[in-house]
Structures are given as C-alpha cells and as structure tokens.
Protein backbone atom coordinates (compact mmCIF):
# COMPACT_ATOMS: atom_id res chain seq x y z
CA MET A 1 11.71 -42.83 -186.94
CA GLU A 2 12.20 -43.91 -183.11
CA GLY A 3 14.94 -43.96 -181.13
CA THR A 4 16.09 -43.61 -177.25
CA VAL A 5 18.36 -40.57 -176.50
CA TYR A 6 22.25 -42.18 -175.50
CA LYS A 7 23.68 -38.44 -175.37
CA SER A 8 22.78 -35.00 -174.44
CA THR A 9 25.28 -32.29 -175.25
CA GLY A 10 22.32 -29.49 -175.13
CA SER A 11 22.33 -28.50 -178.32
CA TRP A 12 22.82 -32.07 -180.26
CA TYR A 13 21.85 -35.34 -179.23
CA VAL A 14 22.95 -39.02 -180.09
CA VAL A 15 19.74 -41.18 -180.79
CA ARG A 16 20.26 -45.12 -181.02
CA THR A 17 17.24 -47.21 -182.82
CA ALA A 18 16.15 -50.30 -182.19
CA ASP A 19 18.72 -52.19 -184.43
CA GLY A 20 21.70 -50.34 -183.09
CA THR A 21 22.29 -47.44 -185.47
CA GLN A 22 23.05 -44.07 -183.85
CA TRP A 23 21.89 -40.74 -185.45
CA ASN A 24 23.37 -37.23 -184.37
CA ALA A 25 20.02 -35.15 -183.69
CA ARG A 26 19.20 -31.97 -183.07
CA ILE A 27 15.60 -30.01 -182.42
CA LYS A 28 14.22 -27.59 -185.08
CA GLY A 29 10.94 -25.66 -184.81
CA LYS A 30 8.32 -26.57 -182.09
CA LEU A 31 8.97 -29.66 -180.13
CA LYS A 32 6.14 -32.12 -179.11
CA ILE A 33 6.16 -33.15 -175.53
CA ASP A 34 3.62 -35.41 -174.33
CA GLU A 35 4.10 -34.63 -170.72
CA GLU A 36 4.86 -30.83 -170.78
CA ILE A 37 7.06 -29.49 -167.81
CA SER A 38 8.93 -26.32 -167.58
CA SER A 39 12.96 -27.15 -167.88
CA THR A 40 16.06 -26.10 -169.10
CA ASN A 41 16.55 -28.90 -171.37
CA PRO A 42 13.19 -30.63 -173.19
CA VAL A 43 15.22 -33.88 -174.12
CA ALA A 44 16.91 -35.86 -171.79
CA VAL A 45 18.86 -38.95 -171.62
CA GLY A 46 16.40 -42.07 -171.54
CA ASP A 47 13.94 -40.30 -173.18
CA THR A 48 12.40 -42.17 -176.07
CA VAL A 49 12.18 -39.49 -179.26
CA VAL A 50 10.82 -39.61 -182.84
CA PHE A 51 13.04 -38.22 -185.87
CA GLU A 52 13.37 -37.59 -189.27
CA PRO A 53 16.44 -38.15 -190.76
CA GLU A 54 18.00 -34.81 -192.04
CA ASP A 55 21.06 -36.47 -194.03
CA GLU A 56 21.49 -40.49 -194.27
CA ALA A 57 24.93 -40.49 -195.55
CA VAL A 58 26.40 -38.87 -192.20
CA LYS A 59 23.44 -39.99 -190.24
CA THR A 60 22.11 -36.54 -189.02
CA ALA A 61 18.26 -36.07 -187.80
CA ILE A 62 15.57 -33.89 -186.42
CA ILE A 63 13.61 -34.19 -183.57
CA GLY A 64 10.18 -33.85 -184.08
CA SER A 65 8.71 -35.04 -180.61
CA VAL A 66 9.59 -36.66 -177.25
CA ALA A 67 7.14 -39.84 -175.90
CA ALA A 68 5.50 -39.89 -172.50
CA ARG A 69 8.02 -40.54 -169.97
CA ASN A 70 7.62 -43.38 -167.26
CA ASN A 71 9.60 -41.03 -164.85
CA TYR A 72 12.01 -38.41 -164.37
CA MET A 73 14.43 -37.25 -162.26
CA VAL A 74 15.78 -33.14 -161.85
CA ARG A 75 17.57 -30.76 -160.09
CA VAL A 76 17.99 -27.32 -160.23
CA SER A 77 19.67 -26.17 -163.52
CA PRO A 78 23.14 -25.21 -162.74
CA HIS A 79 22.76 -22.49 -164.96
CA ASN A 80 19.42 -20.76 -163.41
CA PRO A 81 18.25 -21.31 -159.75
CA SER A 82 14.76 -20.99 -160.61
CA GLN A 83 14.49 -23.27 -163.39
CA LYS A 84 14.64 -27.48 -163.03
CA HIS A 85 16.94 -29.60 -165.06
CA ILE A 86 16.24 -33.12 -166.20
CA ILE A 87 19.10 -35.41 -164.94
CA ALA A 88 17.32 -38.20 -166.87
CA ALA A 89 14.19 -40.05 -167.91
CA ASN A 90 12.65 -43.54 -167.47
CA ILE A 91 14.93 -44.85 -165.00
CA ASP A 92 14.65 -48.07 -162.82
CA MET A 93 17.20 -46.88 -160.24
CA ALA A 94 18.83 -44.15 -158.55
CA LEU A 95 22.50 -44.70 -157.47
CA LEU A 96 24.83 -42.48 -155.57
CA VAL A 97 28.47 -43.00 -155.58
CA ALA A 98 30.00 -41.15 -152.59
CA SER A 99 33.18 -41.31 -150.45
CA ILE A 100 33.78 -40.84 -147.01
CA THR A 101 37.37 -39.23 -147.57
CA ASP A 102 39.32 -37.92 -150.90
CA PRO A 103 36.80 -36.12 -151.63
CA ARG A 104 34.37 -36.21 -148.57
CA THR A 105 30.43 -36.60 -149.58
CA SER A 106 27.86 -35.10 -146.69
CA THR A 107 24.96 -36.57 -145.37
CA GLY A 108 23.17 -33.40 -146.22
CA PHE A 109 23.99 -34.16 -149.98
CA ILE A 110 23.06 -37.89 -149.52
CA ASP A 111 19.79 -36.91 -148.17
CA ARG A 112 19.12 -34.09 -150.99
CA PHE A 113 19.53 -37.12 -153.63
CA LEU A 114 17.45 -39.48 -151.81
CA VAL A 115 14.71 -37.24 -150.61
CA THR A 116 14.39 -36.12 -154.91
CA ALA A 117 14.47 -40.01 -155.97
CA GLU A 118 11.67 -40.70 -153.46
CA ALA A 119 9.71 -37.76 -154.58
CA TYR A 120 9.67 -38.95 -158.45
CA HIS A 121 9.49 -42.70 -156.60
CA ILE A 122 12.56 -44.00 -158.17
CA PRO A 123 14.42 -46.45 -156.01
CA ALA A 124 17.81 -45.70 -154.48
CA ILE A 125 20.92 -47.25 -153.52
CA LEU A 126 24.11 -46.36 -151.56
CA VAL A 127 27.37 -47.11 -153.04
CA VAL A 128 30.56 -46.37 -150.64
CA ASN A 129 33.86 -46.25 -152.63
CA LYS A 130 37.12 -46.12 -151.68
CA VAL A 131 36.58 -48.06 -148.67
CA ASP A 132 40.04 -49.97 -149.41
CA ILE A 133 41.60 -46.39 -147.95
CA LEU A 134 39.35 -45.76 -145.07
CA LYS A 135 41.22 -45.31 -141.44
CA PRO A 136 39.45 -46.56 -138.16
CA LYS A 137 37.90 -43.34 -137.58
CA HIS A 138 36.65 -43.24 -140.97
CA MET A 139 35.31 -47.28 -140.85
CA ALA A 140 33.55 -45.69 -138.21
CA ILE A 141 31.71 -43.42 -139.91
CA LEU A 142 30.89 -46.21 -142.85
CA GLY A 143 29.53 -48.13 -139.84
CA GLN A 144 27.21 -45.17 -139.03
CA TRP A 145 26.13 -44.71 -143.01
CA ALA A 146 25.07 -48.13 -143.02
CA ASP A 147 23.27 -48.12 -139.60
CA ILE A 148 21.30 -44.84 -140.67
CA TYR A 149 20.30 -45.36 -144.33
CA GLU A 150 19.64 -49.32 -144.12
CA GLY A 151 17.61 -48.41 -140.97
CA ALA A 152 15.96 -45.77 -143.55
CA GLY A 153 15.52 -48.82 -146.21
CA TYR A 154 18.09 -48.32 -148.32
CA LYS A 155 20.87 -50.49 -149.62
CA VAL A 156 24.21 -49.57 -148.58
CA LEU A 157 27.33 -51.19 -150.68
CA PRO A 158 30.61 -50.32 -149.75
CA VAL A 159 32.91 -51.15 -152.72
CA VAL A 160 36.51 -50.56 -154.14
CA ALA A 161 36.12 -49.67 -157.71
CA THR A 162 39.62 -50.79 -159.02
CA HIS A 163 38.55 -54.28 -157.56
CA ALA A 164 36.09 -56.52 -159.79
CA ASP A 165 35.75 -59.10 -156.92
CA SER A 166 34.21 -55.93 -154.47
CA LEU A 167 31.31 -55.39 -157.69
CA THR A 168 29.29 -59.30 -157.66
CA GLU A 169 26.34 -57.90 -155.64
CA LEU A 170 26.45 -54.53 -157.38
CA LYS A 171 26.39 -56.13 -161.11
CA THR A 172 23.81 -58.51 -159.85
CA LEU A 173 21.43 -55.05 -159.01
CA LEU A 174 22.21 -53.64 -162.18
CA ALA A 175 21.16 -56.33 -164.15
CA GLY A 176 18.36 -55.44 -166.74
CA LYS A 177 17.80 -52.11 -165.00
CA VAL A 178 18.45 -48.51 -166.55
CA THR A 179 20.42 -47.09 -163.23
CA LEU A 180 21.31 -43.07 -162.88
CA PHE A 181 24.62 -42.96 -161.42
CA SER A 182 25.18 -39.85 -159.59
CA GLY A 183 28.15 -37.90 -157.15
CA HIS A 184 30.70 -35.70 -156.33
CA SER A 185 33.22 -35.40 -159.01
CA GLY A 186 36.15 -37.54 -157.52
CA VAL A 187 34.28 -39.94 -155.78
CA GLY A 188 35.42 -42.65 -158.29
CA LYS A 189 32.01 -42.81 -160.67
CA SER A 190 33.92 -42.75 -163.96
CA THR A 191 36.37 -45.36 -162.65
CA LEU A 192 33.51 -47.75 -161.57
CA ILE A 193 31.80 -47.59 -164.70
CA ASN A 194 34.82 -48.09 -166.90
CA GLN A 195 35.08 -51.48 -164.42
CA LEU A 196 31.51 -52.41 -164.48
CA ILE A 197 31.90 -51.79 -168.53
CA PRO A 198 35.16 -53.16 -170.03
CA GLY A 199 36.73 -51.30 -172.56
CA LEU A 200 34.88 -48.38 -172.13
CA GLU A 201 37.72 -46.55 -170.65
CA ILE A 202 35.83 -42.95 -169.54
CA ARG A 203 38.30 -40.29 -168.96
CA THR A 204 39.35 -40.20 -165.31
CA ASN A 205 42.10 -37.65 -164.15
CA ALA A 206 44.36 -37.86 -160.74
CA VAL A 207 42.77 -36.37 -157.88
CA SER A 208 45.66 -36.55 -155.24
CA GLY A 209 48.93 -37.91 -156.05
CA TRP A 210 49.08 -40.25 -152.56
CA SER A 211 45.70 -42.15 -153.40
CA GLY A 212 45.90 -42.70 -157.14
CA LYS A 213 41.74 -42.36 -157.46
CA GLY A 214 40.23 -41.06 -160.63
CA GLN A 215 38.47 -37.47 -160.48
CA HIS A 216 35.12 -37.52 -162.39
CA THR A 217 35.59 -35.74 -165.94
CA THR A 218 31.95 -36.19 -167.59
CA THR A 219 30.69 -33.05 -168.68
CA PHE A 220 27.56 -34.61 -170.53
CA ALA A 221 25.16 -36.68 -169.21
CA GLU A 222 25.51 -40.02 -171.18
CA MET A 223 24.05 -43.16 -171.31
CA PHE A 224 26.37 -46.84 -171.87
CA ASP A 225 25.09 -50.73 -172.20
CA LEU A 226 25.90 -53.21 -169.60
CA PRO A 227 27.34 -56.37 -171.15
CA GLY A 228 24.95 -58.98 -170.67
CA GLU A 229 25.67 -62.79 -170.68
CA ASN A 230 25.41 -64.73 -174.16
CA GLY A 231 24.57 -61.40 -175.96
CA ALA A 232 21.32 -60.42 -173.50
CA TYR A 233 20.58 -56.96 -172.44
CA GLY A 234 22.24 -56.46 -169.55
CA GLY A 235 21.29 -53.29 -168.51
CA ARG A 236 22.08 -49.52 -169.26
CA ILE A 237 24.02 -47.12 -166.80
CA ILE A 238 23.23 -43.39 -167.44
CA ASP A 239 26.44 -41.36 -166.62
CA THR A 240 26.01 -37.74 -165.27
CA PRO A 241 28.29 -35.10 -164.42
CA GLY A 242 29.84 -34.88 -161.33
CA VAL A 243 28.18 -32.16 -158.86
CA LYS A 244 28.80 -30.12 -156.16
CA GLU A 245 25.62 -29.37 -155.01
CA PHE A 246 22.16 -31.44 -155.43
CA GLY A 247 19.83 -28.71 -155.66
CA LEU A 248 16.60 -29.62 -154.78
CA ILE A 249 13.41 -27.95 -156.81
CA ASP A 250 9.60 -28.11 -156.66
CA ILE A 251 9.17 -29.88 -153.26
CA GLU A 252 6.70 -28.66 -151.26
CA ARG A 253 7.79 -28.48 -147.41
CA GLU A 254 4.29 -29.80 -146.31
CA LEU A 255 5.28 -33.34 -148.24
CA LEU A 256 9.08 -33.27 -147.65
CA SER A 257 8.57 -35.33 -144.59
CA HIS A 258 6.74 -38.02 -147.04
CA TYR A 259 10.15 -38.47 -148.54
CA PHE A 260 11.92 -39.84 -145.93
CA PRO A 261 11.24 -43.53 -145.40
CA GLU A 262 11.02 -43.50 -141.48
CA MET A 263 9.52 -40.66 -141.10
CA ARG A 264 6.53 -42.15 -143.23
CA GLU A 265 5.84 -44.64 -140.78
CA GLU A 266 5.37 -41.58 -137.76
CA LEU A 267 3.46 -39.29 -139.57
CA GLN A 268 0.06 -40.65 -138.83
CA HIS A 269 0.87 -40.43 -135.12
CA CYS A 270 1.53 -36.78 -134.80
CA ARG A 271 -1.20 -34.94 -132.95
CA PHE A 272 -1.60 -32.20 -136.01
CA ASN A 273 -2.09 -33.18 -139.44
CA ASN A 274 0.06 -30.73 -140.73
CA CYS A 275 2.96 -30.82 -138.45
CA GLN A 276 6.20 -30.14 -139.62
CA HIS A 277 7.84 -31.98 -136.95
CA ARG A 278 9.74 -29.02 -135.62
CA ASN A 279 8.33 -27.16 -132.12
CA GLU A 280 4.49 -28.93 -132.56
CA PRO A 281 3.27 -30.90 -129.32
CA GLY A 282 2.47 -34.26 -129.94
CA CYS A 283 5.21 -34.86 -132.64
CA ALA A 284 5.73 -38.60 -133.43
CA VAL A 285 8.85 -37.91 -135.57
CA LYS A 286 10.59 -35.84 -132.90
CA GLN A 287 9.59 -38.71 -130.34
CA ALA A 288 11.19 -41.28 -132.92
CA VAL A 289 14.20 -39.39 -133.06
CA ALA A 290 14.29 -39.11 -129.28
CA ASP A 291 13.81 -42.66 -128.84
CA GLY A 292 16.64 -43.77 -131.39
CA ARG A 293 14.49 -45.20 -133.96
CA ILE A 294 15.03 -42.21 -136.37
CA SER A 295 18.38 -41.46 -137.15
CA GLU A 296 19.32 -37.52 -135.48
CA GLU A 297 21.59 -36.80 -138.59
CA ARG A 298 19.08 -37.36 -140.77
CA TYR A 299 16.03 -35.16 -138.45
CA VAL A 300 19.18 -32.62 -138.61
CA ASN A 301 19.44 -32.73 -142.56
CA TYR A 302 15.52 -32.93 -143.00
CA ALA A 303 14.92 -29.39 -140.85
CA SER A 304 17.91 -28.14 -143.10
CA ILE A 305 16.34 -28.82 -146.24
CA LEU A 306 12.86 -27.81 -144.55
CA GLU A 307 14.61 -24.41 -144.26
CA SER A 308 16.24 -23.87 -147.02
CA ILE A 309 12.83 -24.88 -148.99
CA GLU A 310 11.03 -21.99 -147.01
CA LYS A 311 13.84 -19.35 -147.84
CA LYS A 312 12.79 -19.76 -151.32
CA TRP A 313 8.88 -18.82 -150.64
C-alpha cells in the first residue's frame, strides 16, 4: 500500500492513504530509499512511502520503501551537529513565522532559514506576527525588514495570528500548496495554524502574562490539511517544532552568495570568478552594498554565515 507521512515521532509514523485511512507505521529491517542521503531520519513528514499492513484491526504497518522526493529541506540535527536532519519532504513553499518582539527574531536567523530554502530550491515567504503589540521603535524595524526582504525578492506579510481578517492574503498564498511552517518557539506559530484550521486546537502555552500570546509546544513534525471550498483540496501545512537556532549543513562557501538572490545579480560583475566578497578588489557585491542596492545587514549576515562555514573545515 502507498501513503503520505503525516507525522513523525522518531520511531513511529502516521501514514495516510488516498482514501483517508490512517496507519501507525514503523521501520523494520532494511529500508529502501530511492534518493539516498545521510540523515538522522530516513523517513520525513511529506514523504510518500510504500508499506505493508501488520495488523489490520489496529491499523499498524511496516514501511518498506520511500519514493523519490521532489525536494526536501534540512537543518543540522539537534542531536548530532555533524549530521543532517530532514525537516520535511515534497514541499511547495517554506514559511518562516517571525516576531520583532516577544520573542525577538534576529535577521541572522531569518537569513539562515532563507539560505537553506534557496539551497533546496524552495520558494520562501516571511510572516511577521504580533504586529498589534509593536511600539513605534518596533514599527520602524518592521519597515526595515520589509525594505530588506522585499528588496531581495521575498514576500513579507505582517499579521496578527489571533485576528482572522489579517490572514486573507496568507490564505490565498497557502491555497493548494504544501507549506512548511518554521520559527522560534513563542512566535505564535501554533496560534496561527489554529486560526487557519478551525477546530484543530494545537496546544499553546503563555509566553508572558502581559502579552497573552502563545508559545509553540509542538514536539514532532506533523502535517495538517487546510480546509478548502466545497470539499476541494485546500493545501497542507507541515508544522515543525520551534527552534532556537537554524543550523546550516552541507552549504559550500563558494556557493553561499548564490543563495542570496540580490547578490546573484551582481556575481558576474566581480573581477574574480572565485570572489568571496570580502576583501577582494573589484568586488561587485561590496560595491552594491556601498551603493545601497544590497542591504548592509544582509551582507553582514552573509559574512557571518561564511565564517561559520569555514570554521567547520
């Protein structure tokens, strides 16, 4: 039988077949994977798998193989920094939920997420939550983020997860797609998903008494169906555990600048083909930064990521 992995707990997987039947499945013995990559989790949410029923009565099964993936997205394994962990597979879009305050999301974190999405050829958007609690100084930062990331070609959507009327554009973007949701714990990701899928009620905890916002308590990746009109397919959301850091892995330093869209346009104008855009003469990227065509903050984050890659050598 064939199905899609909707949830992963590390040892057991929830697999759903085309008719909506759910099976609790596990891996036993040698697993056949069409596209072999070294990771801490051979099966990920979003994977299409072939399985054999083990117990029809209680719907348990054994996964025998994983079909070739259209794509996947990885980060450093939280348990082993030298290994990669597949966040999800077969994704149409990657969405980062960020907040300017309570808690603060750094642009360094945002850029690491976007670099990973670029490296795996997955379109990405930035959703900025909790804009209802922003003070004037925070609103200025929101304006800066819009300038930086929209200037780099990314969609930036300010929302209030508890206000359904602020999510109209987001719902349009999600329709018919499989979208990965990621972000720090506490940015309101669970609250946002609960608003998008009425009745789901993913558990949230309070971040602080004065804000009344929810802290993400997801512990395993899980996929949910979005409601569609007249019973039509509305798309899917892959909810992931909140992360403190988005660790990059298998990103080559020579290719890093290619994962910054605004830098890609300048690379061909650098004097040297192997320019790392630091101290080389005739660097078109540094000139674009000086001219204000590339955000200085994005460039600083590029240099920081490049340094972190070189430290691993």
